[in-house]
Amino acid sequence: MDGTTLYSIGELARRTGVPVRTIRFYSDTGVVAPTGRSPAGYRLYDLDALLRLELARTLRELGMDLATVRRVLESTLSVAEAAAVHAEAVDVQIRTLRLRRSVLRAVAARGSSPEEATLMHRLTRLSGEERRRLTDDFTDDAFGGADADPAARDMVRAAAPELPDDPTPEQIAAWVELAELLGDEDFRARMGRTAARRADGVPLGIETEAGAEVTEYTRRTVTGAREAGIAPDGEEAAPLVDDLVRRYARALARTPDGEFRAWLAERFAPGVPDPQVERYWRLVWRVNGWQVVPGMVPVYPWLVEALRGTATP
């Protein structure tokens, strides 16, 4: 085909692979206008029309809408600019599909009810900005009082849950549970009353004073006792607690008597977490995909109860 040859719709269709019906539509809407008409009134197209049609077909096959194609053909938008915009749109579609796949897997794995499946779908369809607004509203409300701890507020905001583009079913389930907590007024109040305790385990003063070696030994000992099913007020716990008290007394140059046990219990008491607040942090870690580092938080309740049970009345 040269620059002076004119071709009919049928010939253009054979050369480009674009259906006659589509070429006719493009002609009617001005996307690829005919160059002229035959004596019988049929539309005719030149080389420029062929090139425009082939470009239109390529852009449409890449998924661009007709309005964008028209702008490219009219040279108000370059192919590169159109490709960049469309690539971003495709990225959004891919993220949406990945999220949808994760929701379906979570529903299948959990055997969710229709109500739970609907809730998962609704909450995960929130945009990243909407999810951030949800956590920001929660933080502002939980720490909005005059006596709020600004360090705790900043810590909660910095560790806000961020659902990834391709979450696992476990992250989906954790996000849904988190979203319900974030909207719970009672939980917001409880979070605001709770002392600032980061999920990565900011040590209590007693832990810093006693040293890392004693703290780690305590974690291992109490964790082993809990896993073995040893109750803090049971006979099996007594020798374990005696050993721990002696170690802390030696580290702090104190006498390991009942008074010291009571003092230790009070020093560890601030670490005993609110169950819902502790659950919140566990869910945040799961949603964010952070590696859970063994900490002292599960140790405190057992240790405090054991110490108080053997302290001087």
Protein backbone atom coordinates (compact mmCIF):
# COMPACT_ATOMS: atom_id res chain seq x y z
CA MET A 1 0.00 0.00 0.00
CA ASP A 2 1.47 3.41 -0.98
CA GLY A 3 0.50 6.95 -0.07
CA THR A 4 -1.92 7.42 -2.98
CA THR A 5 -3.78 4.11 -2.94
CA LEU A 6 -7.22 4.14 -1.34
CA TYR A 7 -8.79 1.04 0.11
CA SER A 8 -12.25 0.02 1.13
CA ILE A 9 -13.28 -1.06 4.63
CA GLY A 10 -13.06 -4.71 3.58
CA GLU A 11 -9.53 -4.34 2.28
CA LEU A 12 -8.48 -2.40 5.34
CA ALA A 13 -9.94 -5.13 7.53
CA ARG A 14 -7.98 -7.83 5.72
CA ARG A 15 -4.70 -5.91 6.08
CA THR A 16 -5.10 -5.00 9.76
CA GLY A 17 -7.18 -7.85 11.14
CA VAL A 18 -9.66 -5.37 12.58
CA PRO A 19 -13.29 -6.42 11.95
CA VAL A 20 -15.27 -4.39 9.42
CA ARG A 21 -17.83 -3.65 12.09
CA THR A 22 -15.16 -2.10 14.34
CA ILE A 23 -13.67 -0.04 11.51
CA ARG A 24 -17.11 1.28 10.70
CA PHE A 25 -17.62 2.22 14.35
CA TYR A 26 -14.24 3.99 14.44
CA SER A 27 -15.20 5.87 11.30
CA ASP A 28 -18.57 6.93 12.71
CA THR A 29 -16.98 8.19 15.93
CA GLY A 30 -14.06 9.95 14.23
CA VAL A 31 -11.34 7.72 15.66
CA VAL A 32 -10.18 6.69 12.18
CA ALA A 33 -11.95 8.90 9.70
CA PRO A 34 -12.17 7.82 6.02
CA THR A 35 -10.04 9.71 3.53
CA GLY A 36 -12.88 9.93 1.02
CA ARG A 37 -15.65 7.97 -0.68
CA SER A 38 -16.00 5.96 -3.86
CA PRO A 39 -18.41 7.07 -6.64
CA ALA A 40 -20.88 4.63 -5.11
CA GLY A 41 -20.54 6.28 -1.71
CA TYR A 42 -18.38 3.65 0.02
CA ARG A 43 -15.73 4.79 2.46
CA LEU A 44 -12.11 4.75 1.35
CA TYR A 45 -8.95 4.90 3.45
CA ASP A 46 -5.34 5.87 2.75
CA LEU A 47 -2.00 4.86 4.34
CA ASP A 48 -2.40 7.30 7.22
CA ALA A 49 -5.76 5.73 8.07
CA LEU A 50 -4.14 2.27 7.99
CA LEU A 51 -1.42 3.38 10.42
CA ARG A 52 -3.95 5.03 12.73
CA LEU A 53 -6.09 1.90 12.69
CA GLU A 54 -3.16 -0.37 13.51
CA LEU A 55 -2.14 1.90 16.38
CA ALA A 56 -5.73 2.00 17.64
CA ARG A 57 -5.89 -1.80 17.55
CA THR A 58 -2.61 -2.10 19.47
CA LEU A 59 -3.69 0.35 22.16
CA ARG A 60 -7.08 -1.32 22.54
CA GLU A 61 -5.46 -4.75 22.85
CA LEU A 62 -3.32 -3.28 25.63
CA GLY A 63 -6.56 -2.42 27.39
CA MET A 64 -6.69 1.34 26.86
CA ASP A 65 -10.13 2.91 26.72
CA LEU A 66 -11.37 4.53 23.54
CA ALA A 67 -11.09 8.06 24.96
CA THR A 68 -7.37 7.53 25.59
CA VAL A 69 -6.90 6.02 22.14
CA ARG A 70 -8.57 9.06 20.59
CA ARG A 71 -6.28 11.43 22.51
CA VAL A 72 -3.21 9.54 21.27
CA LEU A 73 -4.40 9.58 17.69
CA GLU A 74 -5.18 13.28 17.96
CA SER A 75 -1.65 13.83 19.35
CA THR A 76 -2.87 15.43 22.57
CA LEU A 77 -1.34 12.51 24.47
CA SER A 78 1.83 10.69 23.51
CA VAL A 79 1.99 6.93 23.31
CA ALA A 80 4.54 6.95 26.14
CA GLU A 81 2.29 9.05 28.36
CA ALA A 82 -0.71 6.87 27.57
CA ALA A 83 1.31 3.73 28.29
CA ALA A 84 2.47 5.11 31.65
CA VAL A 85 -1.08 5.98 32.71
CA HIS A 86 -2.39 2.64 31.57
CA ALA A 87 0.43 0.72 33.26
CA GLU A 88 -0.53 2.36 36.54
CA ALA A 89 -4.16 1.38 35.97
CA VAL A 90 -3.11 -2.20 35.25
CA ASP A 91 -1.09 -2.21 38.48
CA VAL A 92 -4.24 -1.26 40.38
CA GLN A 93 -6.17 -4.03 38.65
CA ILE A 94 -3.47 -6.55 39.51
CA ARG A 95 -3.48 -5.49 43.16
CA THR A 96 -7.26 -5.75 43.22
CA LEU A 97 -7.18 -9.25 41.72
CA ARG A 98 -4.50 -10.37 44.17
CA LEU A 99 -6.53 -9.05 47.07
CA ARG A 100 -9.65 -10.76 45.76
CA ARG A 101 -7.73 -14.02 45.45
CA SER A 102 -6.51 -13.71 49.03
CA VAL A 103 -10.04 -13.08 50.30
CA LEU A 104 -11.33 -16.14 48.46
CA ARG A 105 -8.54 -18.28 49.92
CA ALA A 106 -9.24 -16.94 53.40
CA VAL A 107 -12.95 -17.67 53.05
CA ALA A 108 -12.18 -21.20 51.83
CA ALA A 109 -9.63 -21.88 54.59
CA ARG A 110 -11.84 -20.56 57.40
CA GLY A 111 -15.09 -22.07 56.13
CA SER A 112 -16.57 -18.61 56.48
CA SER A 113 -20.28 -17.97 56.76
CA PRO A 114 -21.94 -15.74 54.13
CA GLU A 115 -21.90 -12.88 56.65
CA GLU A 116 -18.18 -13.25 57.37
CA ALA A 117 -17.35 -13.56 53.67
CA THR A 118 -19.29 -10.35 52.99
CA LEU A 119 -17.48 -8.57 55.84
CA MET A 120 -14.07 -9.71 54.55
CA HIS A 121 -14.90 -8.51 51.07
CA ARG A 122 -16.16 -5.14 52.28
CA LEU A 123 -13.23 -4.41 54.57
CA THR A 124 -10.53 -5.48 52.14
CA ARG A 125 -12.05 -3.37 49.36
CA LEU A 126 -11.18 -0.25 51.33
CA SER A 127 -8.43 1.70 49.61
CA GLY A 128 -5.06 2.17 51.27
CA GLU A 129 -6.05 5.73 52.10
CA GLU A 130 -9.35 4.58 53.64
CA ARG A 131 -7.55 1.98 55.75
CA ARG A 132 -5.08 4.61 56.95
CA ARG A 133 -7.95 6.94 57.80
CA LEU A 134 -9.53 4.16 59.85
CA THR A 135 -6.35 3.68 61.89
CA ASP A 136 -5.77 7.43 62.20
CA ASP A 137 -9.31 7.94 63.52
CA PHE A 138 -8.74 5.12 65.99
CA THR A 139 -5.46 6.61 67.22
CA ASP A 140 -6.85 10.14 67.48
CA ASP A 141 -9.85 8.89 69.47
CA ALA A 142 -7.93 6.49 71.72
CA PHE A 143 -5.29 9.09 72.62
CA GLY A 144 -7.34 12.25 72.30
CA GLY A 145 -7.79 12.88 76.03
CA ALA A 146 -5.92 15.51 78.00
CA ASP A 147 -4.07 12.82 79.97
CA ALA A 148 -3.10 10.80 76.89
CA ASP A 149 0.48 9.67 76.51
CA PRO A 150 1.88 11.33 73.34
CA ALA A 151 4.65 8.72 73.15
CA ALA A 152 2.06 5.94 73.15
CA ARG A 153 0.04 7.75 70.47
CA ASP A 154 3.08 8.19 68.24
CA MET A 155 4.09 4.58 68.75
CA VAL A 156 0.65 3.25 67.80
CA ARG A 157 0.54 5.52 64.75
CA ALA A 158 4.03 4.49 63.61
CA ALA A 159 3.15 0.80 63.93
CA ALA A 160 -0.19 1.11 62.12
CA PRO A 161 -1.24 -2.03 60.21
CA GLU A 162 -0.55 -1.91 56.46
CA LEU A 163 -2.28 -4.65 54.47
CA PRO A 164 0.12 -5.67 51.65
CA ASP A 165 -0.93 -5.78 48.00
CA ASP A 166 -0.83 -9.58 47.96
CA PRO A 167 -1.83 -10.61 51.49
CA THR A 168 -1.99 -14.16 52.75
CA PRO A 169 -5.31 -15.58 54.00
CA GLU A 170 -3.93 -15.21 57.53
CA GLN A 171 -3.23 -11.51 56.95
CA ILE A 172 -6.74 -11.03 55.54
CA ALA A 173 -8.29 -12.68 58.60
CA ALA A 174 -6.08 -10.61 60.92
CA TRP A 175 -7.01 -7.37 59.13
CA VAL A 176 -10.74 -8.13 59.40
CA GLU A 177 -10.39 -8.77 63.15
CA LEU A 178 -8.28 -5.63 63.51
CA ALA A 179 -10.84 -3.51 61.66
CA GLU A 180 -13.51 -4.65 64.10
CA LEU A 181 -11.27 -3.72 67.05
CA LEU A 182 -10.46 -0.32 65.54
CA GLY A 183 -14.16 0.52 65.36
CA ASP A 184 -14.95 -0.68 68.90
CA GLU A 185 -15.45 2.32 71.21
CA ASP A 186 -14.79 0.26 74.34
CA PHE A 187 -11.51 -1.00 72.91
CA ARG A 188 -10.45 2.53 71.95
CA ALA A 189 -10.92 3.59 75.57
CA ARG A 190 -8.99 0.55 76.83
CA MET A 191 -6.13 1.24 74.45
CA GLY A 192 -5.96 4.84 75.65
CA ARG A 193 -5.77 3.71 79.28
CA THR A 194 -3.08 1.14 78.62
CA ALA A 195 0.52 2.05 79.32
CA ALA A 196 2.65 2.44 76.21
CA ARG A 197 4.03 -1.01 75.46
CA ARG A 198 5.42 -1.65 72.00
CA ALA A 199 4.89 -4.99 70.30
CA ASP A 200 8.64 -5.39 69.91
CA GLY A 201 9.00 -5.39 73.70
CA VAL A 202 10.32 -2.21 75.29
CA PRO A 203 11.84 -3.55 78.51
CA LEU A 204 10.44 -2.74 81.91
CA GLY A 205 12.70 -0.88 84.29
CA ILE A 206 13.25 -4.04 86.36
CA GLU A 207 14.48 -5.87 83.26
CA THR A 208 17.01 -3.15 82.48
CA GLU A 209 18.19 -3.06 86.07
CA ALA A 210 18.55 -6.84 86.39
CA GLY A 211 20.25 -7.20 83.04
CA ALA A 212 19.70 -9.09 79.81
CA GLU A 213 21.00 -12.42 81.12
CA VAL A 214 18.54 -12.63 84.02
CA THR A 215 15.68 -11.36 81.83
CA GLU A 216 16.31 -13.97 79.16
CA TYR A 217 16.62 -16.71 81.77
CA THR A 218 13.26 -15.59 83.21
CA ARG A 219 11.64 -15.70 79.80
CA ARG A 220 12.89 -19.22 79.10
CA THR A 221 11.97 -20.51 82.55
CA VAL A 222 8.45 -19.12 82.64
CA THR A 223 7.79 -20.02 79.01
CA GLY A 224 8.82 -23.60 79.75
CA ALA A 225 6.57 -23.68 82.81
CA ARG A 226 3.60 -22.34 80.89
CA GLU A 227 4.12 -24.84 78.05
CA ALA A 228 4.36 -27.66 80.61
CA GLY A 229 1.05 -26.58 82.10
CA ILE A 230 2.53 -25.59 85.48
CA ALA A 231 0.18 -23.24 87.32
CA PRO A 232 1.79 -20.18 88.93
CA ASP A 233 0.19 -21.03 92.29
CA GLY A 234 1.02 -24.74 92.15
CA GLU A 235 3.65 -26.72 94.04
CA GLU A 236 5.70 -27.32 90.88
CA ALA A 237 6.08 -23.58 90.41
CA ALA A 238 7.62 -22.96 93.84
CA PRO A 239 11.22 -24.07 93.10
CA LEU A 240 11.19 -22.19 89.79
CA VAL A 241 10.06 -18.98 91.48
CA ASP A 242 12.58 -19.43 94.31
CA ASP A 243 15.36 -19.73 91.75
CA LEU A 244 14.22 -16.61 89.89
CA VAL A 245 13.92 -14.58 93.08
CA ARG A 246 17.46 -15.53 94.09
CA ARG A 247 18.81 -14.50 90.69
CA TYR A 248 17.09 -11.11 90.80
CA ALA A 249 18.19 -10.54 94.39
CA ARG A 250 21.79 -11.29 93.45
CA ALA A 251 21.64 -8.99 90.40
CA LEU A 252 20.11 -6.15 92.42
CA ALA A 253 22.04 -6.73 95.66
CA ARG A 254 18.82 -7.39 97.61
CA THR A 255 17.68 -10.00 100.12
CA PRO A 256 15.47 -12.71 98.53
CA ASP A 257 12.75 -12.55 101.18
CA GLY A 258 8.97 -12.19 100.99
CA GLU A 259 9.15 -8.41 100.94
CA PHE A 260 11.47 -8.54 97.95
CA ARG A 261 9.06 -10.90 96.17
CA ALA A 262 6.23 -8.42 96.68
CA TRP A 263 8.45 -5.62 95.39
CA LEU A 264 9.37 -7.68 92.30
CA ALA A 265 5.71 -8.42 91.61
CA GLU A 266 4.89 -4.70 91.62
CA ARG A 267 7.80 -3.96 89.30
CA PHE A 268 6.60 -6.56 86.81
CA ALA A 269 2.88 -5.70 87.16
CA PRO A 270 2.92 -2.85 84.56
CA GLY A 271 3.91 -5.43 81.95
CA VAL A 272 0.75 -7.49 82.43
CA PRO A 273 -1.16 -6.65 79.24
CA ASP A 274 -4.81 -5.99 78.66
CA PRO A 275 -5.85 -9.12 76.72
CA GLN A 276 -7.53 -7.13 73.96
CA VAL A 277 -4.62 -4.71 73.64
CA GLU A 278 -2.21 -7.61 73.46
CA ARG A 279 -4.41 -9.19 70.81
CA TYR A 280 -4.31 -5.93 68.86
CA TRP A 281 -0.51 -6.02 68.75
CA ARG A 282 -0.42 -9.66 67.72
CA LEU A 283 -2.77 -8.86 64.83
CA VAL A 284 -0.70 -5.82 63.81
CA TRP A 285 2.40 -7.98 63.63
CA ARG A 286 0.57 -10.55 61.51
CA VAL A 287 -0.91 -8.00 59.08
CA ASN A 288 2.43 -6.23 58.64
CA GLY A 289 4.23 -9.52 58.11
CA TRP A 290 6.72 -8.80 60.88
CA GLN A 291 8.72 -11.61 62.39
CA VAL A 292 7.49 -12.31 65.88
CA VAL A 293 10.42 -12.11 68.26
CA PRO A 294 9.94 -14.00 71.56
CA GLY A 295 9.33 -11.41 74.25
CA MET A 296 8.38 -11.09 77.89
CA VAL A 297 4.73 -10.12 77.43
CA PRO A 298 3.31 -13.68 77.81
CA VAL A 299 5.60 -14.16 80.83
CA TYR A 300 4.36 -11.29 83.01
CA PRO A 301 0.92 -12.58 84.11
CA TRP A 302 2.31 -15.97 85.22
CA LEU A 303 5.32 -14.39 86.94
CA VAL A 304 3.36 -11.70 88.79
CA GLU A 305 0.80 -14.20 90.07
CA ALA A 306 3.54 -16.58 91.21
CA LEU A 307 5.46 -13.83 93.01
CA ARG A 308 2.37 -12.45 94.75
CA GLY A 309 1.39 -15.93 95.87
CA THR A 310 4.67 -16.37 97.72
CA ALA A 311 5.19 -12.80 98.92
CA THR A 312 4.95 -11.65 102.53
CA PRO A 313 1.30 -10.83 103.40
